N, C-alpha and C. Protein backbone atom coordinates (compact mmCIF):
# COMPACT_ATOMS: atom_id res chain seq x y z
N MET A 1 33.72 -20.55 -79.43
CA MET A 1 32.84 -21.80 -79.35
C MET A 1 33.17 -22.38 -78.07
N ARG A 2 32.12 -22.76 -77.35
CA ARG A 2 32.12 -23.32 -76.02
C ARG A 2 32.38 -24.77 -76.12
N SER A 3 33.10 -25.35 -75.21
CA SER A 3 33.35 -26.77 -75.13
C SER A 3 32.23 -27.49 -74.62
N LEU A 4 32.07 -28.84 -75.02
CA LEU A 4 31.13 -29.59 -74.52
C LEU A 4 30.93 -29.81 -72.93
N GLY A 5 32.06 -29.75 -72.41
CA GLY A 5 32.01 -29.76 -70.92
C GLY A 5 31.46 -28.59 -70.33
N ALA A 6 31.69 -27.39 -70.84
CA ALA A 6 31.14 -26.22 -70.38
C ALA A 6 29.64 -26.12 -70.68
N ILE A 7 29.22 -26.53 -71.72
CA ILE A 7 27.71 -26.65 -72.09
C ILE A 7 27.03 -27.57 -71.08
N CYS A 8 27.56 -28.80 -70.98
CA CYS A 8 26.87 -29.74 -69.99
C CYS A 8 26.89 -29.20 -68.50
N ALA A 9 27.95 -28.65 -68.10
CA ALA A 9 28.03 -28.05 -66.74
C ALA A 9 27.05 -26.87 -66.70
N THR A 10 26.98 -26.01 -67.67
CA THR A 10 25.82 -24.93 -67.46
C THR A 10 24.56 -25.56 -67.55
N ALA A 11 24.24 -26.40 -68.44
CA ALA A 11 22.87 -27.08 -68.30
C ALA A 11 22.62 -27.71 -67.05
N LEU A 12 23.43 -28.49 -66.49
CA LEU A 12 23.24 -29.08 -65.19
C LEU A 12 23.12 -27.97 -64.09
N ALA A 13 23.86 -26.88 -64.16
CA ALA A 13 23.76 -25.91 -63.06
C ALA A 13 22.29 -25.24 -63.15
N VAL A 14 21.76 -24.87 -64.51
CA VAL A 14 20.57 -24.43 -64.70
C VAL A 14 19.52 -25.29 -64.25
N ALA A 15 19.58 -26.59 -64.53
CA ALA A 15 18.52 -27.51 -64.10
C ALA A 15 18.45 -27.71 -62.49
N LEU A 16 19.64 -27.67 -61.84
CA LEU A 16 19.71 -27.75 -60.42
C LEU A 16 19.12 -26.53 -59.87
N PHE A 17 19.53 -25.36 -60.40
CA PHE A 17 18.87 -24.10 -59.87
C PHE A 17 17.45 -23.98 -60.05
N GLY A 18 16.98 -24.38 -61.19
CA GLY A 18 15.54 -24.35 -61.41
C GLY A 18 14.76 -25.37 -60.47
N THR A 19 15.24 -26.46 -60.26
CA THR A 19 14.74 -27.36 -59.32
C THR A 19 14.67 -26.75 -57.89
N CYS A 20 15.77 -26.22 -57.47
CA CYS A 20 15.78 -25.66 -56.08
C CYS A 20 14.83 -24.52 -55.99
N ILE A 21 14.71 -23.57 -56.96
CA ILE A 21 13.73 -22.49 -56.97
C ILE A 21 12.24 -23.03 -56.99
N GLY A 22 11.97 -24.19 -57.73
CA GLY A 22 10.69 -24.79 -57.73
C GLY A 22 10.36 -25.30 -56.36
N VAL A 23 11.29 -25.97 -55.85
CA VAL A 23 11.02 -26.66 -54.45
C VAL A 23 10.75 -25.64 -53.41
N VAL A 24 11.61 -24.43 -53.45
CA VAL A 24 11.43 -23.62 -52.56
C VAL A 24 10.16 -22.75 -52.65
N ALA A 25 9.69 -22.51 -53.89
CA ALA A 25 8.48 -21.82 -54.21
C ALA A 25 7.22 -22.66 -53.67
N ILE A 26 7.36 -23.87 -54.05
CA ILE A 26 6.26 -24.80 -53.60
C ILE A 26 6.06 -24.78 -52.03
N ARG A 27 7.21 -24.93 -51.35
CA ARG A 27 7.19 -25.01 -49.88
C ARG A 27 6.86 -23.48 -49.27
N ALA A 28 7.27 -22.49 -49.98
CA ALA A 28 7.00 -21.21 -49.42
C ALA A 28 5.50 -20.78 -49.66
N LEU A 29 4.81 -21.27 -50.56
CA LEU A 29 3.32 -21.09 -50.81
C LEU A 29 2.59 -21.96 -49.93
N GLY A 30 3.26 -22.87 -49.07
CA GLY A 30 2.45 -23.72 -48.06
C GLY A 30 1.90 -24.96 -48.89
N MET A 31 2.47 -25.27 -50.01
CA MET A 31 1.99 -26.52 -50.70
C MET A 31 2.92 -27.60 -50.37
N GLY A 32 2.57 -28.77 -50.86
CA GLY A 32 3.44 -30.10 -50.81
C GLY A 32 3.32 -30.83 -52.06
N THR A 33 4.04 -31.90 -52.04
CA THR A 33 4.12 -32.70 -53.27
C THR A 33 3.84 -34.12 -52.81
N ALA A 34 3.39 -35.01 -53.87
CA ALA A 34 3.26 -36.52 -53.74
C ALA A 34 3.33 -36.99 -55.06
N VAL A 35 3.63 -38.24 -55.01
CA VAL A 35 3.96 -39.14 -56.23
C VAL A 35 2.69 -40.01 -56.54
N VAL A 36 2.17 -40.01 -57.67
CA VAL A 36 1.08 -40.76 -58.07
C VAL A 36 1.53 -42.14 -58.42
N ALA A 37 0.87 -43.15 -57.73
CA ALA A 37 1.30 -44.51 -58.02
C ALA A 37 0.03 -45.32 -58.49
N GLY A 38 -0.41 -45.12 -59.67
CA GLY A 38 -1.71 -45.67 -59.96
C GLY A 38 -2.26 -44.90 -61.15
N ALA A 39 -3.19 -45.68 -61.93
CA ALA A 39 -3.77 -44.92 -63.11
C ALA A 39 -5.22 -44.73 -62.89
N SER A 40 -5.63 -44.58 -61.65
CA SER A 40 -7.07 -44.41 -61.40
C SER A 40 -7.67 -43.09 -61.76
N MET A 41 -6.82 -42.10 -61.78
CA MET A 41 -7.19 -40.73 -62.16
C MET A 41 -6.80 -40.39 -63.62
N GLU A 42 -6.47 -41.33 -64.43
CA GLU A 42 -6.12 -40.92 -65.95
C GLU A 42 -7.52 -40.64 -66.57
N PRO A 43 -7.50 -39.80 -67.54
CA PRO A 43 -6.45 -39.07 -68.23
C PRO A 43 -6.02 -37.77 -67.57
N THR A 44 -6.80 -37.31 -66.40
CA THR A 44 -6.38 -36.03 -65.95
C THR A 44 -4.92 -36.13 -65.29
N ILE A 45 -4.84 -37.14 -64.44
CA ILE A 45 -3.44 -37.28 -63.75
C ILE A 45 -2.96 -38.71 -64.04
N THR A 46 -1.75 -38.69 -64.74
CA THR A 46 -1.21 -39.98 -65.26
C THR A 46 -0.35 -40.63 -64.17
N ASP A 47 -0.22 -41.96 -64.31
CA ASP A 47 0.68 -42.63 -63.42
C ASP A 47 2.10 -42.26 -63.44
N GLY A 48 2.68 -42.01 -62.35
CA GLY A 48 4.05 -41.46 -62.21
C GLY A 48 4.36 -40.09 -62.16
N SER A 49 3.04 -39.29 -62.14
CA SER A 49 3.04 -37.83 -62.01
C SER A 49 3.57 -37.45 -60.62
N LEU A 50 3.91 -36.17 -60.51
CA LEU A 50 4.37 -35.50 -59.37
C LEU A 50 3.17 -34.49 -59.12
N LEU A 51 2.43 -34.73 -58.07
CA LEU A 51 1.26 -33.84 -57.67
C LEU A 51 1.83 -32.72 -56.95
N ILE A 52 1.23 -31.50 -57.10
CA ILE A 52 1.41 -30.50 -56.18
C ILE A 52 0.08 -30.20 -55.66
N VAL A 53 -0.01 -30.27 -54.23
CA VAL A 53 -1.16 -30.10 -53.60
C VAL A 53 -1.16 -29.19 -52.44
N GLU A 54 -2.30 -28.64 -51.93
CA GLU A 54 -2.37 -27.45 -51.00
C GLU A 54 -3.17 -28.09 -49.81
N PRO A 55 -2.70 -28.07 -48.56
CA PRO A 55 -3.77 -28.58 -47.55
C PRO A 55 -4.70 -27.32 -47.30
N ILE A 56 -5.86 -27.85 -47.24
CA ILE A 56 -7.03 -26.89 -46.85
C ILE A 56 -8.03 -27.55 -45.98
N ALA A 57 -8.90 -26.78 -45.41
CA ALA A 57 -9.94 -27.24 -44.53
C ALA A 57 -11.01 -28.01 -45.39
N PRO A 58 -11.48 -29.16 -44.79
CA PRO A 58 -12.53 -29.71 -45.68
C PRO A 58 -13.78 -29.01 -45.96
N SER A 59 -14.04 -27.96 -45.22
CA SER A 59 -15.29 -27.18 -45.51
C SER A 59 -15.03 -26.31 -46.80
N LEU A 60 -13.88 -26.37 -47.28
CA LEU A 60 -13.67 -25.48 -48.54
C LEU A 60 -13.63 -26.26 -49.81
N ILE A 61 -13.84 -27.54 -49.60
CA ILE A 61 -13.87 -28.48 -50.74
C ILE A 61 -15.15 -28.39 -51.43
N ALA A 62 -15.23 -28.19 -52.87
CA ALA A 62 -16.47 -28.09 -53.50
C ALA A 62 -16.62 -29.28 -54.61
N ARG A 63 -17.72 -29.48 -55.03
CA ARG A 63 -18.05 -30.46 -56.07
C ARG A 63 -17.10 -30.34 -57.32
N GLY A 64 -16.45 -31.24 -57.85
CA GLY A 64 -15.51 -31.23 -58.96
C GLY A 64 -14.16 -31.13 -58.66
N ASP A 65 -13.74 -30.72 -57.47
CA ASP A 65 -12.28 -30.70 -56.94
C ASP A 65 -11.75 -31.92 -56.89
N ILE A 66 -10.45 -32.07 -57.11
CA ILE A 66 -9.64 -33.27 -57.01
C ILE A 66 -8.88 -33.12 -55.63
N ILE A 67 -8.96 -34.17 -54.84
CA ILE A 67 -8.31 -34.16 -53.55
C ILE A 67 -7.46 -35.31 -53.32
N ALA A 68 -6.55 -35.20 -52.51
CA ALA A 68 -5.63 -36.27 -52.13
C ALA A 68 -5.71 -36.39 -50.76
N PHE A 69 -5.80 -37.72 -50.22
CA PHE A 69 -5.99 -38.06 -48.86
C PHE A 69 -5.40 -39.49 -48.61
N ASP A 70 -5.24 -39.72 -47.33
CA ASP A 70 -4.63 -41.00 -46.89
C ASP A 70 -5.72 -41.90 -46.77
N GLN A 71 -5.68 -43.05 -47.34
CA GLN A 71 -6.68 -44.14 -47.35
C GLN A 71 -5.98 -45.46 -47.10
N SER A 72 -5.98 -46.09 -45.91
CA SER A 72 -5.52 -47.26 -45.42
C SER A 72 -3.93 -47.24 -45.62
N GLY A 73 -3.39 -46.06 -45.37
CA GLY A 73 -1.85 -45.98 -45.32
C GLY A 73 -1.44 -45.63 -46.78
N ARG A 74 -2.33 -45.39 -47.73
CA ARG A 74 -1.78 -45.07 -49.05
C ARG A 74 -2.40 -43.69 -49.49
N LEU A 75 -1.58 -43.06 -50.26
CA LEU A 75 -2.04 -41.62 -50.78
C LEU A 75 -3.13 -41.98 -51.90
N THR A 76 -4.44 -41.43 -51.59
CA THR A 76 -5.33 -41.77 -52.72
C THR A 76 -5.82 -40.41 -53.39
N THR A 77 -5.88 -40.30 -54.70
CA THR A 77 -6.33 -39.11 -55.39
C THR A 77 -7.70 -39.37 -56.02
N ARG A 78 -8.70 -38.61 -55.66
CA ARG A 78 -10.02 -38.78 -56.14
C ARG A 78 -10.78 -37.45 -56.49
N ARG A 79 -11.73 -37.44 -57.43
CA ARG A 79 -12.54 -36.24 -57.77
C ARG A 79 -13.77 -36.30 -56.84
N VAL A 80 -14.08 -35.25 -56.25
CA VAL A 80 -15.41 -35.03 -55.43
C VAL A 80 -16.53 -34.85 -56.38
N ILE A 81 -17.50 -35.87 -56.29
CA ILE A 81 -18.70 -35.67 -57.23
C ILE A 81 -19.97 -35.27 -56.36
N ALA A 82 -19.86 -35.24 -54.97
CA ALA A 82 -20.93 -34.82 -54.19
C ALA A 82 -20.40 -34.36 -52.69
N VAL A 83 -21.07 -33.36 -52.14
CA VAL A 83 -20.76 -32.95 -50.98
C VAL A 83 -21.97 -33.02 -50.03
N ASP A 84 -21.89 -33.66 -48.95
CA ASP A 84 -23.08 -33.74 -48.04
C ASP A 84 -22.62 -32.82 -46.88
N ALA A 85 -23.21 -31.55 -46.96
CA ALA A 85 -22.74 -30.42 -45.99
C ALA A 85 -23.85 -30.34 -44.83
N ALA A 86 -24.37 -31.60 -44.38
CA ALA A 86 -25.27 -31.50 -43.27
C ALA A 86 -24.42 -31.10 -41.94
N ASN A 87 -23.27 -31.40 -41.91
CA ASN A 87 -22.34 -31.08 -40.75
C ASN A 87 -21.37 -30.15 -41.43
N VAL A 88 -21.42 -28.81 -41.24
CA VAL A 88 -20.70 -27.87 -41.92
C VAL A 88 -19.23 -28.06 -41.60
N ALA A 89 -18.97 -28.33 -40.31
CA ALA A 89 -17.57 -28.45 -39.81
C ALA A 89 -16.87 -29.68 -40.37
N GLU A 90 -17.46 -30.82 -40.63
CA GLU A 90 -16.88 -32.00 -41.15
C GLU A 90 -17.84 -32.66 -42.03
N PRO A 91 -17.86 -32.00 -43.36
CA PRO A 91 -18.77 -32.59 -44.51
C PRO A 91 -18.33 -33.91 -44.84
N MET A 92 -19.23 -34.66 -45.47
CA MET A 92 -18.96 -36.07 -46.20
C MET A 92 -18.87 -35.85 -47.60
N PHE A 93 -18.04 -36.58 -48.26
CA PHE A 93 -17.70 -36.47 -49.59
C PHE A 93 -17.92 -37.78 -50.29
N THR A 94 -18.54 -37.64 -51.43
CA THR A 94 -18.75 -38.90 -52.34
C THR A 94 -17.64 -38.63 -53.45
N THR A 95 -16.66 -39.59 -53.52
CA THR A 95 -15.53 -39.37 -54.47
C THR A 95 -15.59 -40.45 -55.49
N LYS A 96 -14.94 -40.20 -56.55
CA LYS A 96 -14.80 -41.18 -57.75
C LYS A 96 -13.59 -40.85 -58.49
N ALA A 97 -12.93 -42.13 -58.83
CA ALA A 97 -11.73 -42.02 -59.64
C ALA A 97 -12.14 -41.80 -61.11
N ASP A 98 -11.50 -40.84 -62.02
CA ASP A 98 -11.83 -40.48 -63.19
C ASP A 98 -11.75 -41.76 -64.20
N ALA A 99 -10.97 -42.81 -63.89
CA ALA A 99 -10.97 -43.97 -64.82
C ALA A 99 -12.08 -45.03 -64.47
N ASN A 100 -12.68 -44.84 -63.26
CA ASN A 100 -13.73 -45.69 -62.83
C ASN A 100 -14.99 -45.39 -63.35
N ALA A 101 -15.92 -46.29 -63.41
CA ALA A 101 -17.28 -46.02 -63.99
C ALA A 101 -18.29 -45.62 -62.81
N VAL A 102 -17.97 -46.26 -61.65
CA VAL A 102 -18.78 -45.94 -60.54
C VAL A 102 -18.13 -45.21 -59.38
N PRO A 103 -18.77 -44.57 -58.54
CA PRO A 103 -18.20 -43.84 -57.33
C PRO A 103 -17.68 -44.74 -56.38
N ASP A 104 -16.84 -44.36 -55.55
CA ASP A 104 -16.29 -45.08 -54.35
C ASP A 104 -17.47 -45.55 -53.48
N PRO A 105 -17.37 -46.72 -52.88
CA PRO A 105 -18.40 -47.29 -52.23
C PRO A 105 -18.68 -46.66 -50.88
N GLU A 106 -17.72 -46.05 -50.22
CA GLU A 106 -17.85 -45.42 -48.93
C GLU A 106 -17.55 -43.93 -48.98
N PRO A 107 -18.54 -43.12 -48.50
CA PRO A 107 -18.21 -41.65 -48.43
C PRO A 107 -17.01 -41.39 -47.61
N ALA A 108 -16.21 -40.17 -47.92
CA ALA A 108 -15.16 -39.88 -47.15
C ALA A 108 -15.37 -38.76 -46.35
N TYR A 109 -14.77 -38.57 -45.11
CA TYR A 109 -14.81 -37.34 -44.36
C TYR A 109 -13.38 -37.21 -43.82
N PHE A 110 -12.90 -36.04 -43.44
CA PHE A 110 -11.66 -35.71 -43.11
C PHE A 110 -11.74 -34.83 -41.76
N PRO A 111 -11.30 -35.47 -40.64
CA PRO A 111 -11.39 -34.51 -39.43
C PRO A 111 -10.47 -33.37 -39.39
N GLY A 112 -9.30 -33.53 -40.04
CA GLY A 112 -8.27 -32.35 -40.09
C GLY A 112 -8.23 -31.55 -41.36
N SER A 113 -7.27 -31.62 -42.04
CA SER A 113 -7.21 -30.97 -43.44
C SER A 113 -7.06 -32.10 -44.51
N VAL A 114 -7.44 -31.70 -45.75
CA VAL A 114 -7.09 -32.50 -46.92
C VAL A 114 -6.44 -31.78 -47.98
N ALA A 115 -5.76 -32.54 -48.74
CA ALA A 115 -5.00 -31.87 -49.74
C ALA A 115 -5.72 -31.59 -51.13
N LEU A 116 -5.78 -30.30 -51.44
CA LEU A 116 -6.44 -30.04 -52.72
C LEU A 116 -5.37 -30.03 -53.75
N TYR A 117 -5.72 -30.73 -54.99
CA TYR A 117 -4.86 -31.00 -56.15
C TYR A 117 -4.79 -29.37 -56.72
N ARG A 118 -3.56 -28.99 -57.21
CA ARG A 118 -3.45 -27.80 -57.71
C ARG A 118 -2.73 -28.00 -59.12
N ALA A 119 -1.74 -28.94 -59.35
CA ALA A 119 -1.14 -29.11 -60.51
C ALA A 119 -0.37 -30.57 -60.45
N SER A 120 -0.03 -31.05 -61.62
CA SER A 120 0.74 -32.40 -61.81
C SER A 120 1.79 -32.09 -62.92
N ILE A 121 2.89 -32.77 -62.65
CA ILE A 121 3.98 -32.71 -63.63
C ILE A 121 4.15 -34.26 -64.01
N PRO A 122 3.72 -34.63 -65.22
CA PRO A 122 3.83 -35.97 -65.77
C PRO A 122 5.30 -36.58 -65.65
N GLN A 123 5.45 -37.84 -65.31
CA GLN A 123 6.67 -38.62 -65.25
C GLN A 123 7.75 -38.05 -64.19
N LEU A 124 7.56 -36.87 -63.67
CA LEU A 124 8.44 -36.48 -62.67
C LEU A 124 8.40 -37.29 -61.48
N GLY A 125 7.34 -37.81 -61.13
CA GLY A 125 7.15 -38.55 -59.87
C GLY A 125 8.20 -39.83 -59.87
N TYR A 126 8.35 -40.36 -61.00
CA TYR A 126 9.18 -41.51 -61.10
C TYR A 126 10.66 -40.96 -60.78
N VAL A 127 11.01 -39.95 -61.25
CA VAL A 127 12.31 -39.38 -60.89
C VAL A 127 12.52 -39.05 -59.38
N VAL A 128 11.41 -38.48 -58.81
CA VAL A 128 11.50 -38.28 -57.37
C VAL A 128 11.54 -39.42 -56.55
N ALA A 129 10.62 -40.42 -56.94
CA ALA A 129 10.70 -41.63 -56.10
C ALA A 129 11.95 -42.41 -56.27
N TYR A 130 12.60 -42.36 -57.51
CA TYR A 130 13.93 -43.05 -57.54
C TYR A 130 14.98 -42.11 -56.79
N MET A 131 14.99 -40.98 -56.78
CA MET A 131 15.87 -40.10 -56.09
C MET A 131 15.61 -40.41 -54.57
N GLN A 132 14.36 -40.52 -54.09
CA GLN A 132 14.24 -40.79 -52.54
C GLN A 132 14.67 -42.11 -52.21
N ALA A 133 14.48 -43.08 -53.21
CA ALA A 133 14.92 -44.49 -52.78
C ALA A 133 16.52 -44.60 -52.98
N TYR A 134 17.07 -44.15 -54.01
CA TYR A 134 18.48 -44.39 -54.29
C TYR A 134 19.23 -43.14 -54.34
N TRP A 135 19.06 -42.23 -53.34
CA TRP A 135 19.65 -40.91 -53.31
C TRP A 135 21.14 -40.98 -53.38
N ARG A 136 21.73 -41.90 -52.65
CA ARG A 136 23.24 -42.04 -52.62
C ARG A 136 23.87 -42.41 -53.96
N LEU A 137 23.02 -43.50 -54.58
CA LEU A 137 23.52 -43.78 -55.88
C LEU A 137 23.44 -42.67 -56.94
N ALA A 138 22.26 -41.97 -56.89
CA ALA A 138 22.18 -40.87 -57.79
C ALA A 138 23.16 -39.65 -57.53
N LEU A 139 23.56 -39.54 -56.35
CA LEU A 139 24.50 -38.55 -55.94
C LEU A 139 25.91 -38.85 -56.42
N LEU A 140 26.23 -40.19 -56.43
CA LEU A 140 27.36 -40.84 -56.99
C LEU A 140 27.32 -40.80 -58.43
N VAL A 141 26.38 -40.91 -59.16
CA VAL A 141 26.34 -40.81 -60.59
C VAL A 141 26.56 -39.35 -61.10
N ILE A 142 25.89 -38.51 -60.33
CA ILE A 142 26.08 -36.99 -60.67
C ILE A 142 27.42 -36.56 -60.42
N ALA A 143 28.28 -37.10 -59.34
CA ALA A 143 29.50 -36.54 -59.00
C ALA A 143 30.39 -37.34 -60.03
N ALA A 144 30.15 -38.50 -60.45
CA ALA A 144 31.03 -39.11 -61.60
C ALA A 144 30.90 -38.35 -62.88
N ALA A 145 29.69 -38.02 -63.20
CA ALA A 145 29.53 -37.17 -64.46
C ALA A 145 30.22 -35.85 -64.49
N LEU A 146 30.10 -35.24 -63.27
CA LEU A 146 30.82 -33.99 -63.26
C LEU A 146 32.28 -34.01 -63.26
N PHE A 147 32.80 -35.15 -62.63
CA PHE A 147 34.16 -35.36 -62.66
C PHE A 147 34.62 -35.74 -64.00
N LEU A 148 33.98 -36.52 -64.70
CA LEU A 148 34.26 -36.94 -66.17
C LEU A 148 34.22 -35.55 -67.04
N ALA A 149 33.23 -34.76 -66.82
CA ALA A 149 33.18 -33.55 -67.64
C ALA A 149 34.24 -32.62 -67.25
N CYS A 150 34.71 -32.55 -66.08
CA CYS A 150 35.75 -31.61 -65.73
C CYS A 150 37.16 -32.17 -66.17
N ALA A 151 37.16 -33.53 -66.13
CA ALA A 151 38.48 -34.09 -66.57
C ALA A 151 38.83 -34.17 -68.03
N THR A 152 37.66 -34.30 -68.86
CA THR A 152 37.80 -34.36 -70.24
C THR A 152 37.82 -33.01 -70.83
N THR A 153 37.33 -32.01 -70.21
CA THR A 153 37.35 -30.65 -70.81
C THR A 153 38.79 -30.18 -71.28
N PRO A 154 39.67 -30.21 -70.31
CA PRO A 154 41.05 -29.81 -70.70
C PRO A 154 41.68 -30.78 -71.69
N VAL A 155 41.56 -32.06 -71.72
CA VAL A 155 42.03 -33.05 -72.72
C VAL A 155 41.52 -32.54 -74.12
N LEU A 156 40.16 -32.46 -74.11
CA LEU A 156 39.53 -32.14 -75.43
C LEU A 156 40.04 -30.78 -76.03
N ALA A 157 40.00 -29.82 -75.03
CA ALA A 157 40.60 -28.51 -75.56
C ALA A 157 41.95 -28.57 -75.99
N ASN A 158 42.77 -29.20 -75.43
CA ASN A 158 44.29 -29.31 -75.68
C ASN A 158 44.44 -30.11 -77.00
N ALA A 159 43.57 -31.10 -77.24
CA ALA A 159 43.53 -31.92 -78.51
C ALA A 159 43.09 -31.01 -79.68
N ARG A 160 42.15 -30.31 -79.49
CA ARG A 160 41.60 -29.40 -80.51
C ARG A 160 42.81 -28.24 -80.83
N ALA A 161 43.28 -27.69 -79.76
CA ALA A 161 44.39 -26.87 -80.06
C ALA A 161 45.62 -27.32 -80.65
N GLN A 162 45.99 -28.67 -80.49
CA GLN A 162 47.13 -29.29 -81.09
C GLN A 162 46.84 -29.53 -82.66
N ALA A 163 45.58 -29.86 -82.85
CA ALA A 163 45.13 -29.99 -84.24
C ALA A 163 45.32 -28.71 -85.09
N LEU A 164 45.22 -27.48 -84.41
CA LEU A 164 45.24 -26.31 -85.20
C LEU A 164 46.71 -25.89 -85.44
N ILE A 165 47.64 -26.51 -84.55
CA ILE A 165 49.10 -26.16 -84.73
C ILE A 165 49.72 -27.14 -85.71
N ARG A 166 50.41 -26.54 -86.73
CA ARG A 166 51.00 -27.26 -87.77
C ARG A 166 52.39 -28.02 -87.01
N PRO A 167 52.61 -29.20 -87.45
CA PRO A 167 53.78 -29.80 -86.96
C PRO A 167 54.98 -29.11 -87.54
N ARG A 168 56.11 -28.96 -86.83
CA ARG A 168 57.45 -28.46 -87.31
C ARG A 168 58.24 -29.52 -87.88
N THR A 169 58.86 -29.07 -88.92
CA THR A 169 59.89 -29.86 -89.63
C THR A 169 61.30 -29.73 -88.94
N PRO A 170 61.75 -30.82 -88.44
CA PRO A 170 63.04 -30.66 -87.65
C PRO A 170 64.20 -30.21 -88.70
N ALA A 171 64.98 -29.40 -88.16
CA ALA A 171 66.12 -29.00 -88.94
C ALA A 171 67.26 -29.70 -88.35
N PHE A 172 68.20 -30.34 -89.39
CA PHE A 172 69.29 -31.03 -88.89
C PHE A 172 70.59 -30.10 -89.11
N ALA A 173 71.53 -30.34 -88.17
CA ALA A 173 72.72 -29.55 -88.33
C ALA A 173 73.90 -30.62 -88.37
N THR A 174 74.98 -30.22 -89.19
CA THR A 174 76.06 -31.05 -89.19
C THR A 174 77.13 -30.63 -88.09
N VAL A 175 77.64 -31.63 -87.45
CA VAL A 175 78.64 -31.27 -86.40
C VAL A 175 79.70 -32.29 -86.55
N ALA A 176 81.05 -31.55 -86.44
CA ALA A 176 82.10 -32.30 -86.66
C ALA A 176 82.59 -32.80 -85.19
N VAL A 177 82.84 -34.17 -85.11
CA VAL A 177 83.21 -34.72 -83.70
C VAL A 177 84.67 -35.41 -83.96
N ASP A 178 85.45 -35.03 -83.06
CA ASP A 178 86.83 -35.70 -83.15
C ASP A 178 86.71 -36.87 -82.02
N SER A 179 86.74 -38.12 -82.66
CA SER A 179 86.65 -39.30 -81.84
C SER A 179 87.72 -39.58 -80.99
N GLU A 180 88.99 -39.12 -81.30
CA GLU A 180 90.15 -39.25 -80.46
C GLU A 180 90.05 -38.42 -79.33
N GLU A 181 89.61 -37.08 -79.40
CA GLU A 181 89.46 -36.30 -78.22
C GLU A 181 88.35 -36.73 -77.35
N VAL A 182 87.24 -37.29 -77.79
CA VAL A 182 86.19 -37.82 -77.00
C VAL A 182 86.61 -38.93 -76.18
N TRP A 183 87.39 -39.93 -76.89
CA TRP A 183 88.12 -41.07 -76.15
C TRP A 183 88.88 -40.60 -75.12
N THR A 184 89.81 -39.61 -75.20
CA THR A 184 90.76 -39.17 -74.27
C THR A 184 90.01 -38.53 -73.13
N ASN A 185 89.00 -37.81 -73.33
CA ASN A 185 88.15 -37.17 -72.18
C ASN A 185 87.49 -38.19 -71.51
N HIS A 186 86.97 -39.40 -72.04
CA HIS A 186 86.34 -40.34 -71.50
C HIS A 186 87.31 -41.10 -70.52
N MET A 187 88.48 -41.50 -70.99
CA MET A 187 89.39 -42.17 -70.11
C MET A 187 89.85 -41.35 -69.05
N GLY A 188 89.92 -40.16 -69.13
CA GLY A 188 90.35 -39.15 -67.97
C GLY A 188 89.32 -39.23 -66.95
N TRP A 189 88.03 -39.16 -67.39
CA TRP A 189 86.84 -39.21 -66.45
C TRP A 189 87.00 -40.48 -65.67
N LEU A 190 87.15 -41.64 -66.24
CA LEU A 190 87.20 -42.87 -65.75
C LEU A 190 88.34 -43.06 -64.69
N ARG A 191 89.55 -42.38 -65.07
CA ARG A 191 90.59 -42.53 -63.89
C ARG A 191 90.36 -41.71 -62.71
N LYS A 192 89.51 -40.55 -62.92
CA LYS A 192 89.07 -39.77 -61.76
C LYS A 192 87.99 -40.43 -60.92
N ALA A 193 87.18 -41.25 -61.50
CA ALA A 193 86.06 -41.74 -60.97
C ALA A 193 86.36 -43.10 -60.18
N THR A 194 87.40 -43.67 -60.45
CA THR A 194 87.95 -44.92 -59.71
C THR A 194 88.97 -44.61 -58.80
N PHE A 195 89.07 -45.10 -57.77
CA PHE A 195 90.08 -44.87 -56.61
C PHE A 195 91.20 -45.94 -56.63
């Protein structure tokens, strides 16, 4: 039977390994991530989700695609409801948030690339935002948890092992002591010790 510390350590190692593989896979595929801070795209994308986006040329965007772009210094996620392709190199897009009843008042165009929505992971954006803001504190908490797990594992294992061992009953022996001989030896030692 495995100890609680070993199970926790294994679970933590698997979670960290999976996270690393996921981040490497996203970056290797040329994709990026963004944190959703708002409910304008609900129910498709919930507030606090981690978006996985792929940068592409604006000419590849089609009606119905969800795009993420910078609008006044904030990342904005919208659904494309119309494409005006009069200028093929830089088309104009009419966008709308899923939670809004009307489209955005101004059409959008992108001179460079735009991020195309590929997937979202609900609630993970909160964790990522927290880790980015308080990474030193999070690292300290993880280190403390690992230290606690490593420190308590031997103690708990030793306590379990001692519970399985039956206590021994001490055996008493009878010893005859000659008090006169003990006193004589003691006085001789004192004479040698004093000058």
